[in-house]
N, C-alpha and C. Protein backbone atom coordinates (compact mmCIF):
# COMPACT_ATOMS: atom_id res chain seq x y z
N MET A 1 15.46 2.37 16.10
CA MET A 1 14.18 2.12 15.14
C MET A 1 13.83 0.65 14.93
N SER A 2 12.64 0.21 14.97
CA SER A 2 12.01 -0.96 15.01
C SER A 2 12.35 -1.71 13.76
N ASN A 3 12.80 -2.89 13.53
CA ASN A 3 12.90 -3.44 12.27
C ASN A 3 12.01 -4.68 11.85
N ASP A 4 11.02 -4.45 12.88
CA ASP A 4 9.55 -5.51 12.62
C ASP A 4 8.67 -5.17 11.46
N TYR A 5 8.90 -5.15 10.51
CA TYR A 5 8.32 -5.03 9.29
C TYR A 5 8.84 -5.62 7.95
N TYR A 6 8.12 -5.96 6.78
CA TYR A 6 8.78 -6.64 5.49
C TYR A 6 9.15 -5.65 4.75
N THR A 7 9.97 -5.96 4.19
CA THR A 7 10.54 -5.38 2.80
C THR A 7 10.15 -6.19 1.40
N LYS A 8 10.74 -5.27 0.54
CA LYS A 8 10.38 -6.05 -0.91
C LYS A 8 11.15 -7.11 -0.95
N ASP A 9 12.30 -7.04 -0.46
CA ASP A 9 13.21 -8.38 -0.38
C ASP A 9 12.75 -9.63 0.18
N ASP A 10 11.88 -9.42 1.08
CA ASP A 10 11.13 -10.57 1.77
C ASP A 10 10.35 -11.27 0.44
N PHE A 11 9.90 -10.93 -0.27
CA PHE A 11 8.68 -11.49 -1.05
C PHE A 11 9.04 -11.55 -2.77
N ALA A 12 9.91 -10.51 -3.05
CA ALA A 12 10.08 -10.40 -4.63
C ALA A 12 10.84 -11.81 -5.40
N GLY A 13 11.54 -12.47 -4.55
CA GLY A 13 11.92 -13.84 -5.09
C GLY A 13 11.01 -14.80 -5.43
N ASP A 14 9.99 -14.71 -4.86
CA ASP A 14 8.80 -15.59 -4.92
C ASP A 14 7.66 -15.07 -5.94
N LEU A 15 7.67 -13.89 -6.18
CA LEU A 15 6.69 -13.31 -7.17
C LEU A 15 6.90 -12.87 -8.66
N GLU A 16 6.30 -13.09 -9.59
CA GLU A 16 6.54 -12.53 -11.16
C GLU A 16 6.33 -11.20 -11.19
N ILE A 17 7.26 -10.35 -11.22
CA ILE A 17 6.88 -8.82 -10.99
C ILE A 17 8.34 -8.59 -11.62
N ASP A 18 8.14 -7.40 -12.65
CA ASP A 18 8.87 -7.01 -13.47
C ASP A 18 9.46 -5.85 -13.16
N ASP A 19 10.78 -5.97 -12.46
CA ASP A 19 11.64 -4.83 -11.88
C ASP A 19 12.04 -4.00 -12.96
N SER A 20 12.36 -4.66 -14.15
CA SER A 20 13.08 -3.92 -15.41
C SER A 20 11.94 -2.77 -15.59
N ARG A 21 10.79 -2.91 -15.39
CA ARG A 21 9.73 -1.91 -16.29
C ARG A 21 9.14 -0.80 -14.68
N PHE A 22 9.18 -1.43 -13.57
CA PHE A 22 8.43 -0.70 -12.83
C PHE A 22 9.44 -0.73 -11.31
N ASP A 23 10.74 -0.45 -11.40
CA ASP A 23 11.35 -0.45 -10.20
C ASP A 23 12.91 -0.07 -10.90
N GLN A 24 13.00 1.36 -11.28
CA GLN A 24 14.14 1.62 -12.11
C GLN A 24 14.36 3.06 -11.81
N ASP A 25 15.77 2.96 -11.45
CA ASP A 25 16.33 4.35 -10.82
C ASP A 25 16.24 5.53 -12.54
N PRO A 26 15.58 6.76 -12.23
CA PRO A 26 15.28 7.63 -13.51
C PRO A 26 16.23 8.47 -13.53
N ASP A 27 16.72 8.93 -14.56
CA ASP A 27 17.61 9.92 -14.64
C ASP A 27 17.23 11.43 -14.51
N GLU A 28 18.15 12.14 -14.09
CA GLU A 28 18.00 13.30 -13.76
C GLU A 28 16.68 14.22 -14.37
N GLU A 29 16.88 14.04 -15.76
CA GLU A 29 15.85 14.74 -16.53
C GLU A 29 14.32 14.14 -16.48
N THR A 30 14.33 13.14 -16.17
CA THR A 30 12.92 12.36 -15.67
C THR A 30 12.29 12.73 -14.43
N ILE A 31 13.26 12.70 -13.67
CA ILE A 31 12.77 13.55 -12.62
C ILE A 31 12.15 14.84 -12.35
N ASP A 32 12.91 15.98 -12.84
CA ASP A 32 12.89 17.34 -13.15
C ASP A 32 11.19 17.47 -13.63
N GLU A 33 11.37 16.51 -14.84
CA GLU A 33 9.92 16.59 -15.79
C GLU A 33 8.58 16.07 -14.70
N ALA A 34 9.19 15.26 -13.85
CA ALA A 34 7.97 14.70 -12.89
C ALA A 34 7.52 15.84 -11.93
N VAL A 35 8.49 16.02 -11.52
CA VAL A 35 8.30 17.31 -10.38
C VAL A 35 7.64 18.32 -10.87
N SER A 36 8.07 18.92 -12.18
CA SER A 36 7.45 20.02 -12.87
C SER A 36 5.75 19.77 -13.08
N ASN A 37 5.76 18.53 -13.36
CA ASN A 37 4.57 18.14 -13.79
C ASN A 37 3.41 18.12 -12.81
N ILE A 38 3.94 17.56 -11.43
CA ILE A 38 3.37 17.72 -10.09
C ILE A 38 2.72 18.81 -9.75
N GLU A 39 3.87 19.47 -10.06
CA GLU A 39 3.44 20.92 -9.29
C GLU A 39 2.34 22.11 -10.26
N GLU A 40 2.62 21.70 -11.55
CA GLU A 40 2.04 22.36 -12.19
C GLU A 40 0.09 21.81 -11.61
N ARG A 41 0.21 20.60 -10.87
CA ARG A 41 -1.02 20.20 -10.35
C ARG A 41 -1.55 20.79 -8.69
N ASN A 42 -0.60 21.62 -8.70
CA ASN A 42 -0.99 22.46 -7.37
C ASN A 42 -0.56 21.61 -6.67
N ILE A 43 0.42 20.66 -6.48
CA ILE A 43 0.90 20.04 -5.20
C ILE A 43 2.48 20.22 -4.92
N GLU A 44 2.85 20.40 -4.04
CA GLU A 44 4.51 20.92 -3.89
C GLU A 44 5.11 19.73 -3.56
N VAL A 45 6.11 20.03 -4.16
CA VAL A 45 7.06 18.60 -4.20
C VAL A 45 8.34 19.08 -3.47
N HIS A 46 9.09 18.38 -2.37
CA HIS A 46 10.25 18.20 -1.90
C HIS A 46 10.93 17.23 -1.91
N VAL A 47 12.02 17.61 -2.83
CA VAL A 47 13.20 16.47 -3.23
C VAL A 47 14.03 16.28 -2.08
N VAL A 48 14.00 15.11 -1.63
CA VAL A 48 15.57 14.83 -0.70
C VAL A 48 16.20 13.71 -1.24
N ASP A 49 17.53 13.64 -0.64
CA ASP A 49 18.25 12.72 -0.82
C ASP A 49 18.43 11.35 -0.66
N ASP A 50 17.79 11.48 0.51
CA ASP A 50 17.67 9.65 1.29
C ASP A 50 16.66 9.91 2.34
N GLY A 51 16.33 8.28 2.94
CA GLY A 51 15.45 8.27 3.81
C GLY A 51 15.45 8.87 5.08
N GLU A 52 16.82 9.43 5.66
CA GLU A 52 16.86 10.18 7.00
C GLU A 52 16.32 11.36 6.43
N ALA A 53 16.54 11.95 5.56
CA ALA A 53 16.42 13.54 5.08
C ALA A 53 14.54 13.52 5.39
N ALA A 54 14.18 12.51 4.36
CA ALA A 54 12.74 12.67 4.39
C ALA A 54 12.00 12.53 5.81
N ARG A 55 12.81 11.60 6.70
CA ARG A 55 12.26 11.49 7.97
C ARG A 55 12.21 12.76 8.64
N GLU A 56 13.25 13.69 8.87
CA GLU A 56 13.59 14.80 9.50
C GLU A 56 12.62 15.79 8.73
N TYR A 57 12.43 15.77 7.70
CA TYR A 57 11.41 16.55 6.59
C TYR A 57 9.94 16.64 7.58
N LEU A 58 9.81 15.28 7.46
CA LEU A 58 8.25 14.71 7.89
C LEU A 58 8.00 15.35 9.15
N ARG A 59 9.14 15.30 10.17
CA ARG A 59 8.85 15.78 11.37
C ARG A 59 8.36 16.99 11.65
N ASP A 60 8.97 17.90 10.71
CA ASP A 60 8.91 19.16 10.84
C ASP A 60 7.62 19.67 10.27
N GLN A 61 6.51 18.56 9.59
CA GLN A 61 5.03 18.74 9.00
C GLN A 61 4.15 18.89 10.01
N ILE A 62 4.89 18.34 11.24
CA ILE A 62 3.16 17.92 12.35
C ILE A 62 3.36 19.37 13.28
N PRO A 63 2.57 19.81 13.37
CA PRO A 63 2.58 21.18 14.12
C PRO A 63 2.07 20.57 15.27
N ASP A 64 2.45 21.23 16.57
CA ASP A 64 2.48 20.80 18.05
C ASP A 64 0.86 20.55 18.10
N GLY A 65 0.66 19.65 18.87
CA GLY A 65 -1.07 19.42 19.09
C GLY A 65 -1.74 18.94 18.10
N ALA A 66 -1.27 18.60 16.91
CA ALA A 66 -2.11 18.16 15.75
C ALA A 66 -2.43 16.66 15.72
N GLU A 67 -3.61 16.56 15.21
CA GLU A 67 -4.27 14.99 15.33
C GLU A 67 -3.65 14.48 13.74
N VAL A 68 -2.90 13.24 14.10
CA VAL A 68 -2.00 12.93 12.76
C VAL A 68 -2.48 11.14 12.97
N MET A 69 -2.77 10.93 11.35
CA MET A 69 -2.93 9.67 10.69
C MET A 69 -1.87 9.25 9.88
N ASP A 70 -1.89 8.09 9.68
CA ASP A 70 -0.94 7.81 8.32
C ASP A 70 -1.62 6.31 7.60
N GLY A 71 -1.23 5.96 6.57
CA GLY A 71 -1.80 4.88 5.91
C GLY A 71 -0.57 4.01 6.16
N HIS A 72 -1.05 2.53 6.49
CA HIS A 72 0.26 1.81 6.13
C HIS A 72 1.20 1.97 4.97
N SER A 73 2.56 1.71 5.30
CA SER A 73 3.45 2.20 4.50
C SER A 73 4.87 1.69 4.87
N THR A 74 5.19 0.77 4.00
CA THR A 74 6.42 0.22 4.11
C THR A 74 7.54 1.41 3.86
N THR A 75 7.47 2.13 3.31
CA THR A 75 8.32 3.27 2.93
C THR A 75 8.39 4.21 4.12
N LEU A 76 7.49 4.49 4.79
CA LEU A 76 7.29 5.29 6.46
C LEU A 76 8.27 4.18 7.58
N GLU A 77 7.89 2.98 7.16
CA GLU A 77 8.74 1.96 8.04
C GLU A 77 9.83 2.15 7.74
N GLU A 78 10.26 1.95 6.65
CA GLU A 78 11.74 1.86 6.20
C GLU A 78 12.91 3.14 6.64
N ILE A 79 11.99 4.25 6.66
CA ILE A 79 12.62 5.53 6.88
C ILE A 79 12.52 5.94 8.49
N GLY A 80 11.88 4.95 9.42
CA GLY A 80 11.63 5.28 10.78
C GLY A 80 10.74 6.01 11.19
N PHE A 81 9.95 6.64 9.95
CA PHE A 81 9.15 7.48 10.55
C PHE A 81 7.42 6.94 11.37
N THR A 82 7.55 5.88 11.19
CA THR A 82 6.70 4.91 12.00
C THR A 82 6.47 5.10 13.22
N ASP A 83 7.91 5.12 13.56
CA ASP A 83 8.64 4.80 14.68
C ASP A 83 8.12 6.19 15.29
N ASP A 84 8.34 7.67 14.81
CA ASP A 84 8.02 8.76 15.35
C ASP A 84 6.77 8.90 15.37
N LEU A 85 5.95 8.67 14.51
CA LEU A 85 4.49 8.71 14.66
C LEU A 85 4.04 7.86 16.15
N GLU A 86 4.23 6.68 16.51
CA GLU A 86 3.99 6.22 17.67
C GLU A 86 4.59 6.49 18.95
N ALA A 87 5.56 7.16 18.50
CA ALA A 87 6.03 7.96 19.94
C ALA A 87 5.29 9.12 20.09
N ALA A 88 4.59 9.92 19.13
CA ALA A 88 3.47 10.71 19.51
C ALA A 88 4.40 12.01 20.28
N ASP A 89 5.19 12.50 20.05
CA ASP A 89 5.92 13.51 21.03
C ASP A 89 5.13 14.44 20.50
N GLY A 90 4.52 15.27 21.44
CA GLY A 90 3.84 16.87 20.91
C GLY A 90 2.51 16.64 20.07
N PHE A 91 2.17 15.62 19.46
CA PHE A 91 1.08 15.39 18.91
C PHE A 91 0.10 14.43 19.51
N ASP A 92 -0.91 14.28 18.56
CA ASP A 92 -1.98 12.99 19.13
C ASP A 92 -1.97 12.41 17.85
N TYR A 93 -1.17 10.90 17.93
CA TYR A 93 -1.14 9.87 16.76
C TYR A 93 -2.31 9.41 16.89
N LEU A 94 -3.68 9.16 15.72
CA LEU A 94 -4.83 8.53 16.18
C LEU A 94 -4.51 6.89 16.01
N GLY A 95 -3.59 6.62 15.44
CA GLY A 95 -3.26 5.29 15.28
C GLY A 95 -2.76 4.48 16.60
N ASN A 96 -2.63 5.11 17.59
CA ASN A 96 -2.37 4.65 18.67
C ASN A 96 -3.61 4.07 19.74
N ARG A 97 -4.72 5.29 19.15
CA ARG A 97 -5.87 5.11 19.99
C ARG A 97 -6.85 3.97 19.15
N ILE A 98 -6.52 4.03 18.20
CA ILE A 98 -7.57 2.77 17.29
C ILE A 98 -6.96 1.49 17.68
N GLY A 99 -5.37 1.27 17.85
CA GLY A 99 -4.97 0.26 18.01
C GLY A 99 -5.32 -0.29 19.48
N GLU A 100 -5.86 0.39 20.70
CA GLU A 100 -6.13 0.43 21.69
C GLU A 100 -7.68 0.01 21.64
N ILE A 101 -8.70 -0.28 20.65
CA ILE A 101 -10.08 -0.33 20.79
C ILE A 101 -10.35 -1.86 20.08
N ASP A 102 -10.91 -2.47 21.16
CA ASP A 102 -11.21 -3.90 21.05
C ASP A 102 -12.54 -4.05 20.31
N ASP A 103 -13.31 -3.29 20.51
CA ASP A 103 -14.77 -3.53 19.83
C ASP A 103 -14.60 -3.15 18.08
N ASP A 104 -14.91 -4.13 17.31
CA ASP A 104 -14.66 -4.02 15.86
C ASP A 104 -15.54 -3.04 15.37
N GLU A 105 -17.05 -2.49 15.72
CA GLU A 105 -17.66 -1.47 15.38
C GLU A 105 -17.13 -0.10 15.66
N GLU A 106 -16.38 -0.06 17.02
CA GLU A 106 -16.07 1.40 17.61
C GLU A 106 -14.76 1.48 16.40
N ARG A 107 -13.71 0.45 16.46
CA ARG A 107 -12.69 0.43 15.79
C ARG A 107 -12.85 0.84 14.24
N PHE A 108 -13.90 0.43 13.31
CA PHE A 108 -14.36 0.88 12.23
C PHE A 108 -14.41 2.13 12.15
N ARG A 109 -15.43 2.56 13.05
CA ARG A 109 -16.30 3.92 13.42
C ARG A 109 -14.63 4.95 13.47
N ALA A 110 -13.67 4.77 14.09
CA ALA A 110 -12.56 5.39 14.58
C ALA A 110 -11.70 5.49 13.59
N ARG A 111 -11.82 4.34 12.77
CA ARG A 111 -10.58 4.35 11.52
C ARG A 111 -11.17 5.66 10.31
N ARG A 112 -12.63 5.67 9.97
CA ARG A 112 -13.52 6.42 9.46
C ARG A 112 -13.49 7.76 9.72
N GLU A 113 -13.33 7.98 11.12
CA GLU A 113 -12.99 9.25 11.63
C GLU A 113 -11.83 9.81 11.07
N ALA A 114 -10.66 8.96 11.04
CA ALA A 114 -9.19 9.27 11.34
C ALA A 114 -9.01 9.80 9.66
N VAL A 115 -9.60 9.67 8.76
CA VAL A 115 -9.29 9.98 7.51
C VAL A 115 -9.68 11.81 7.47
N THR A 116 -9.96 12.24 8.32
CA THR A 116 -10.33 13.73 8.59
C THR A 116 -9.04 14.17 9.67
N ALA A 117 -7.84 13.71 9.72
CA ALA A 117 -7.02 14.10 10.62
C ALA A 117 -6.51 15.29 9.91
N ASP A 118 -6.08 16.37 11.32
CA ASP A 118 -5.37 17.50 10.84
C ASP A 118 -4.11 17.05 9.76
N VAL A 119 -3.29 16.09 10.00
CA VAL A 119 -2.38 15.76 8.99
C VAL A 119 -2.48 14.18 8.77
N PHE A 120 -2.54 14.13 7.41
CA PHE A 120 -2.67 12.13 7.03
C PHE A 120 -1.32 12.27 6.22
N VAL A 121 -0.52 11.05 6.79
CA VAL A 121 0.78 10.69 5.89
C VAL A 121 0.67 9.72 5.47
N ASP A 122 0.84 9.48 4.04
CA ASP A 122 0.48 8.42 3.52
C ASP A 122 1.58 8.42 2.36
N SER A 123 2.25 6.79 1.82
CA SER A 123 2.99 6.97 0.51
C SER A 123 2.43 6.80 -0.48
N VAL A 124 2.79 7.29 -1.64
CA VAL A 124 2.30 6.36 -3.21
C VAL A 124 2.61 5.17 -3.71
N ASN A 125 2.01 4.55 -4.32
CA ASN A 125 2.12 3.21 -4.90
C ASN A 125 2.79 3.60 -6.20
N ALA A 126 2.57 4.50 -7.12
CA ALA A 126 2.88 5.04 -8.33
C ALA A 126 3.06 6.67 -8.45
N ILE A 127 3.77 7.00 -9.60
CA ILE A 127 3.94 8.51 -9.93
C ILE A 127 4.53 8.49 -11.11
N ALA A 128 3.35 8.97 -11.78
CA ALA A 128 3.60 9.19 -13.22
C ALA A 128 4.34 10.45 -13.64
N GLU A 129 5.34 10.34 -14.69
CA GLU A 129 6.19 11.50 -14.84
C GLU A 129 5.23 12.66 -15.73
N SER A 130 3.84 12.30 -15.95
CA SER A 130 3.04 13.22 -16.38
C SER A 130 2.30 14.09 -15.45
N GLY A 131 2.67 13.49 -13.87
CA GLY A 131 2.05 14.35 -12.90
C GLY A 131 1.13 13.63 -11.93
N GLU A 132 0.41 12.76 -12.39
CA GLU A 132 -0.52 11.99 -11.58
C GLU A 132 0.33 11.46 -10.45
N LEU A 133 -0.47 11.29 -9.01
CA LEU A 133 0.03 10.43 -8.05
C LEU A 133 -1.22 9.54 -7.67
N LEU A 134 -0.55 8.26 -7.64
CA LEU A 134 -1.70 6.89 -7.50
C LEU A 134 -1.22 6.35 -6.12
N GLY A 135 -2.35 5.77 -5.56
CA GLY A 135 -2.38 5.23 -4.58
C GLY A 135 -3.54 4.02 -4.38
N ALA A 136 -3.08 2.87 -3.45
CA ALA A 136 -4.45 2.15 -3.54
C ALA A 136 -4.32 1.37 -2.31
N ASN A 137 -5.37 0.72 -1.67
CA ASN A 137 -5.34 -0.03 -0.51
C ASN A 137 -6.70 -0.82 -0.30
N ALA A 138 -6.67 -1.46 0.31
CA ALA A 138 -7.89 -2.92 0.25
C ALA A 138 -9.23 -2.10 0.76
N LEU A 139 -9.32 -1.72 2.08
CA LEU A 139 -10.46 -0.99 2.71
C LEU A 139 -10.81 0.32 2.16
N GLY A 140 -9.63 1.00 1.90
CA GLY A 140 -10.00 2.42 1.70
C GLY A 140 -9.55 3.57 2.66
N ASN A 141 -9.28 3.11 3.79
CA ASN A 141 -9.23 3.96 5.24
C ASN A 141 -7.93 4.96 5.23
N ALA A 142 -6.98 4.48 4.04
CA ALA A 142 -5.61 5.14 3.66
C ALA A 142 -6.32 6.50 2.64
N VAL A 143 -6.44 5.68 1.13
CA VAL A 143 -6.56 6.64 0.16
C VAL A 143 -8.10 7.52 0.40
N GLY A 144 -9.03 7.10 1.44
CA GLY A 144 -10.06 7.64 1.57
C GLY A 144 -9.68 9.29 2.09
N ALA A 145 -8.24 9.49 2.68
CA ALA A 145 -7.86 10.84 3.01
C ALA A 145 -7.32 11.92 2.14
N TRP A 146 -6.99 11.04 1.02
CA TRP A 146 -6.50 11.85 -0.39
C TRP A 146 -7.27 12.87 -0.73
N ALA A 147 -8.48 12.24 -1.33
CA ALA A 147 -9.20 13.00 -2.11
C ALA A 147 -9.53 14.26 -1.25
N PHE A 148 -10.06 14.39 -0.06
CA PHE A 148 -10.96 15.59 0.64
C PHE A 148 -10.54 15.42 2.16
N GLY A 149 -10.58 14.19 2.70
CA GLY A 149 -10.90 14.25 4.54
C GLY A 149 -9.80 14.74 5.04
N ALA A 150 -8.44 14.98 4.86
CA ALA A 150 -7.40 15.08 5.81
C ALA A 150 -7.43 16.97 5.26
N GLU A 151 -6.92 17.41 6.24
CA GLU A 151 -6.88 19.06 6.23
C GLU A 151 -5.33 19.34 5.50
N SER A 152 -4.40 18.34 5.91
CA SER A 152 -3.17 18.46 5.15
C SER A 152 -2.85 17.11 4.93
N LEU A 153 -1.92 16.63 3.23
CA LEU A 153 -2.02 15.73 3.07
C LEU A 153 -0.66 15.71 2.72
N VAL A 154 0.08 14.62 3.52
CA VAL A 154 1.77 14.82 3.04
C VAL A 154 2.10 13.51 2.66
N LEU A 155 1.90 13.37 1.13
CA LEU A 155 2.41 12.05 0.44
C LEU A 155 4.14 11.63 0.33
N VAL A 156 4.61 10.63 0.50
CA VAL A 156 5.75 10.42 0.61
C VAL A 156 6.38 8.97 -0.60
N GLY A 157 7.40 9.11 -1.57
CA GLY A 157 7.52 8.58 -2.56
C GLY A 157 8.55 8.60 -3.15
N SER A 158 9.18 7.30 -3.48
CA SER A 158 10.76 7.39 -3.96
C SER A 158 10.83 7.45 -5.38
N THR A 159 11.85 7.62 -5.93
CA THR A 159 12.14 8.16 -7.30
C THR A 159 11.88 6.85 -8.29
N ASN A 160 11.94 5.68 -7.73
CA ASN A 160 12.07 4.70 -8.60
C ASN A 160 10.32 3.76 -8.76
N LYS A 161 9.54 4.69 -8.23
CA LYS A 161 8.32 4.75 -8.54
C LYS A 161 7.67 5.68 -9.71
N ILE A 162 8.45 6.18 -10.11
CA ILE A 162 8.07 6.94 -11.32
C ILE A 162 8.11 6.42 -12.79
N VAL A 163 7.09 6.38 -13.40
CA VAL A 163 6.70 5.72 -14.85
C VAL A 163 6.33 6.74 -15.43
N GLY A 164 6.38 6.30 -17.01
CA GLY A 164 5.93 7.50 -17.78
C GLY A 164 4.44 8.11 -17.73
N ASN A 165 3.52 7.40 -17.66
CA ASN A 165 2.16 8.36 -17.77
C ASN A 165 1.18 7.32 -16.99
N TRP A 166 0.10 8.06 -17.02
CA TRP A 166 -1.04 7.64 -15.82
C TRP A 166 -1.15 5.96 -16.07
N SER A 167 -1.46 5.59 -17.42
CA SER A 167 -1.78 4.29 -17.74
C SER A 167 -0.48 3.28 -17.01
N SER A 168 0.24 3.52 -17.21
CA SER A 168 1.67 2.85 -16.74
C SER A 168 1.84 2.88 -15.11
N ALA A 169 1.36 3.96 -14.58
CA ALA A 169 0.92 4.02 -13.01
C ALA A 169 0.05 3.06 -12.50
N VAL A 170 -1.12 2.81 -13.49
CA VAL A 170 -2.04 2.06 -12.80
C VAL A 170 -1.51 0.61 -13.04
N GLU A 171 -0.82 0.23 -14.12
CA GLU A 171 -0.43 -0.93 -14.31
C GLU A 171 0.71 -1.44 -13.20
N ARG A 172 1.70 -0.33 -12.66
CA ARG A 172 2.68 -0.64 -11.71
C ARG A 172 1.88 -0.78 -10.71
N ILE A 173 0.84 -0.23 -10.13
CA ILE A 173 -0.09 -0.89 -8.81
C ILE A 173 -0.68 -2.35 -9.00
N ARG A 174 -1.23 -2.49 -10.06
CA ARG A 174 -1.64 -3.83 -10.52
C ARG A 174 -0.88 -4.97 -10.63
N GLU A 175 0.07 -4.59 -11.10
CA GLU A 175 1.27 -5.83 -11.58
C GLU A 175 2.53 -5.72 -10.95
N TYR A 176 2.76 -4.85 -9.66
CA TYR A 176 3.84 -4.56 -9.05
C TYR A 176 3.45 -4.43 -7.42
N ALA A 177 3.14 -3.37 -7.43
CA ALA A 177 2.77 -2.83 -5.92
C ALA A 177 1.77 -4.10 -5.24
N TYR A 178 0.72 -4.35 -6.12
CA TYR A 178 -0.09 -5.35 -5.54
C TYR A 178 0.07 -6.23 -4.93
N PRO A 179 0.75 -7.14 -6.08
CA PRO A 179 1.64 -8.59 -5.80
C PRO A 179 2.62 -8.62 -4.33
N LEU A 180 3.23 -7.47 -4.28
CA LEU A 180 4.05 -7.37 -2.97
C LEU A 180 3.11 -6.93 -1.94
N GLU A 181 2.38 -6.20 -1.87
CA GLU A 181 1.27 -6.17 -0.65
C GLU A 181 0.28 -6.93 -0.14
N ASP A 182 0.17 -7.67 -1.21
CA ASP A 182 -0.64 -8.98 -1.16
C ASP A 182 0.09 -10.18 -0.26
N ALA A 183 1.40 -10.15 -1.03
CA ALA A 183 2.30 -11.15 -0.18
C ALA A 183 2.51 -10.59 1.21
N ARG A 184 2.69 -9.39 1.91
CA ARG A 184 2.85 -8.78 2.98
C ARG A 184 1.83 -9.33 3.67
N ALA A 185 0.55 -8.61 3.25
CA ALA A 185 -0.71 -8.83 4.22
C ALA A 185 -0.63 -10.21 4.66
N GLU A 186 -0.60 -11.27 3.75
CA GLU A 186 -1.00 -12.51 3.96
C GLU A 186 0.15 -13.19 5.29
N GLU A 187 1.49 -12.52 5.05
CA GLU A 187 2.20 -12.89 6.14
C GLU A 187 1.89 -12.06 7.33
N ALA A 188 1.40 -11.01 7.38
CA ALA A 188 1.42 -10.26 8.47
C ALA A 188 -0.05 -10.31 8.88
N TYR A 189 -1.06 -10.64 8.36
CA TYR A 189 -2.33 -10.74 8.89
C TYR A 189 -3.05 -12.10 8.78
N GLY A 190 -2.34 -13.12 7.94
CA GLY A 190 -3.11 -14.01 7.49
C GLY A 190 -4.01 -14.22 6.49
N GLN A 191 -4.28 -13.05 5.90
CA GLN A 191 -5.13 -13.04 4.83
C GLN A 191 -4.73 -11.84 3.56
N GLY A 192 -4.75 -12.44 2.56
CA GLY A 192 -4.11 -11.39 1.49
C GLY A 192 -4.86 -9.92 1.31
N SER A 193 -4.23 -9.10 0.32
CA SER A 193 -4.95 -8.27 0.06
C SER A 193 -5.87 -7.94 -1.27
N VAL A 194 -6.46 -7.14 -1.56
CA VAL A 194 -7.13 -6.65 -2.73
C VAL A 194 -6.57 -5.02 -3.32
N VAL A 195 -6.61 -4.70 -4.44
CA VAL A 195 -6.84 -3.20 -4.72
C VAL A 195 -8.23 -3.07 -4.96
N GLY A 196 -8.71 -2.52 -3.42
CA GLY A 196 -10.06 -2.08 -3.12
C GLY A 196 -10.47 -0.67 -3.73
N LYS A 197 -9.62 -0.20 -3.31
CA LYS A 197 -10.10 1.46 -3.59
C LYS A 197 -8.67 2.03 -4.58
N LEU A 198 -8.30 2.52 -5.42
CA LEU A 198 -7.67 3.28 -6.14
C LEU A 198 -7.94 4.50 -6.46
N VAL A 199 -6.73 5.51 -6.01
CA VAL A 199 -7.20 6.86 -6.12
C VAL A 199 -5.84 7.67 -6.98
N SER A 200 -6.44 8.48 -7.79
CA SER A 200 -5.57 9.22 -8.86
C SER A 200 -5.47 10.67 -8.34
N LEU A 201 -4.40 10.91 -7.76
CA LEU A 201 -4.78 12.64 -7.19
C LEU A 201 -4.22 13.30 -8.81
N GLU A 202 -4.92 14.09 -9.15
CA GLU A 202 -4.48 14.59 -10.61
C GLU A 202 -4.57 16.21 -10.34
N HIS A 203 -5.53 16.75 -9.67
CA HIS A 203 -5.16 18.23 -9.14
C HIS A 203 -5.99 18.54 -8.07
N GLU A 204 -4.98 19.36 -7.07
CA GLU A 204 -5.24 19.87 -5.85
C GLU A 204 -5.95 21.26 -5.90
N ARG A 205 -7.28 21.34 -5.93
CA ARG A 205 -8.11 22.56 -5.60
C ARG A 205 -7.66 23.41 -4.26
N VAL A 206 -7.07 22.89 -3.31
CA VAL A 206 -7.18 23.70 -2.25
C VAL A 206 -5.61 24.10 -1.82
N ASP A 207 -4.98 25.27 -2.15
CA ASP A 207 -3.96 25.61 -1.81
C ASP A 207 -3.12 25.29 -0.85
N ASP A 208 -1.78 24.82 -1.02
CA ASP A 208 -1.03 24.22 0.23
C ASP A 208 -1.54 23.58 0.97
N ARG A 209 -2.32 22.64 0.55
CA ARG A 209 -2.95 21.26 1.29
C ARG A 209 -2.03 20.14 1.20
N THR A 210 -1.32 19.98 -0.10
CA THR A 210 -1.24 18.48 -0.73
C THR A 210 0.21 18.76 -0.94
N GLN A 211 1.36 18.02 -0.09
CA GLN A 211 2.66 18.14 -0.78
C GLN A 211 3.05 16.50 -1.14
N LEU A 212 4.08 16.37 -1.87
CA LEU A 212 4.99 15.18 -2.10
C LEU A 212 6.53 15.28 -1.33
N VAL A 213 6.77 14.46 -0.75
CA VAL A 213 8.34 14.45 -0.53
C VAL A 213 8.82 13.10 -1.13
N LEU A 214 9.80 13.45 -2.23
CA LEU A 214 10.19 12.50 -3.17
C LEU A 214 11.59 12.26 -2.73
N ILE A 215 11.64 11.13 -2.46
CA ILE A 215 13.15 10.52 -1.94
C ILE A 215 13.74 9.84 -3.41
N ASP A 216 15.11 10.47 -3.33
CA ASP A 216 15.76 9.71 -4.42
C ASP A 216 16.66 8.97 -3.99
N GLU A 217 16.18 7.85 -3.56
CA GLU A 217 16.78 6.31 -3.15
C GLU A 217 15.70 5.61 -3.45
N ARG A 218 15.94 4.30 -3.63
CA ARG A 218 14.54 3.13 -3.39
C ARG A 218 14.29 2.85 -2.19
N HIS A 219 12.91 2.73 -1.62
CA HIS A 219 12.16 2.65 -0.80
C HIS A 219 10.67 2.13 -0.99
N GLY A 220 10.41 1.19 -0.20
CA GLY A 220 8.67 0.61 -0.38
C GLY A 220 8.71 -0.28 -1.64
N PHE A 221 7.23 -0.51 -1.74
CA PHE A 221 6.85 -1.41 -3.08
C PHE A 221 6.66 -0.52 -4.20
């Protein structure tokens, strides 16, 4: 597995972020309540013990020959699933195609089209115990798939991202995940990030479209 990525530990010491509020291990009752409320919103939840189990489960969610895309995710990098996508064994990973495009306009068009992939995999930035799943990114190329674009949406999140309610989830993004992602983007790309597009997934109208893989250990921002 490649280790060519940044984690929370690379930046947390230099930032004023509140671990005591936004990065805690919830008790079993809290996890059960969150899972129940998410599933009431027509989103399947699959709880796994660790990153390796999540990786194995994610591999099984990709049909042979499918077009697959992802949003940048430290969680997916940490569990090794980004490596699986890039290997593209038996499916078409659109990220490999996009990475080979030199022309800016053509690359932007390809990124727009990629939000309609057969399977889109992304991580959440916050999980409300009340059941909402929230994510944000600068351009919107990731969360653009959440609302409607992707045929199948597979979201990944760790239990330390669970907070009490929707308002706290928004605060977690703005006050915790965003400062970490801003620092990562500055280091990786030479420019910081913004909360450009923020999506709150509150109910899935299409049966069997959206699921959350909930990892019971700490990952990502």
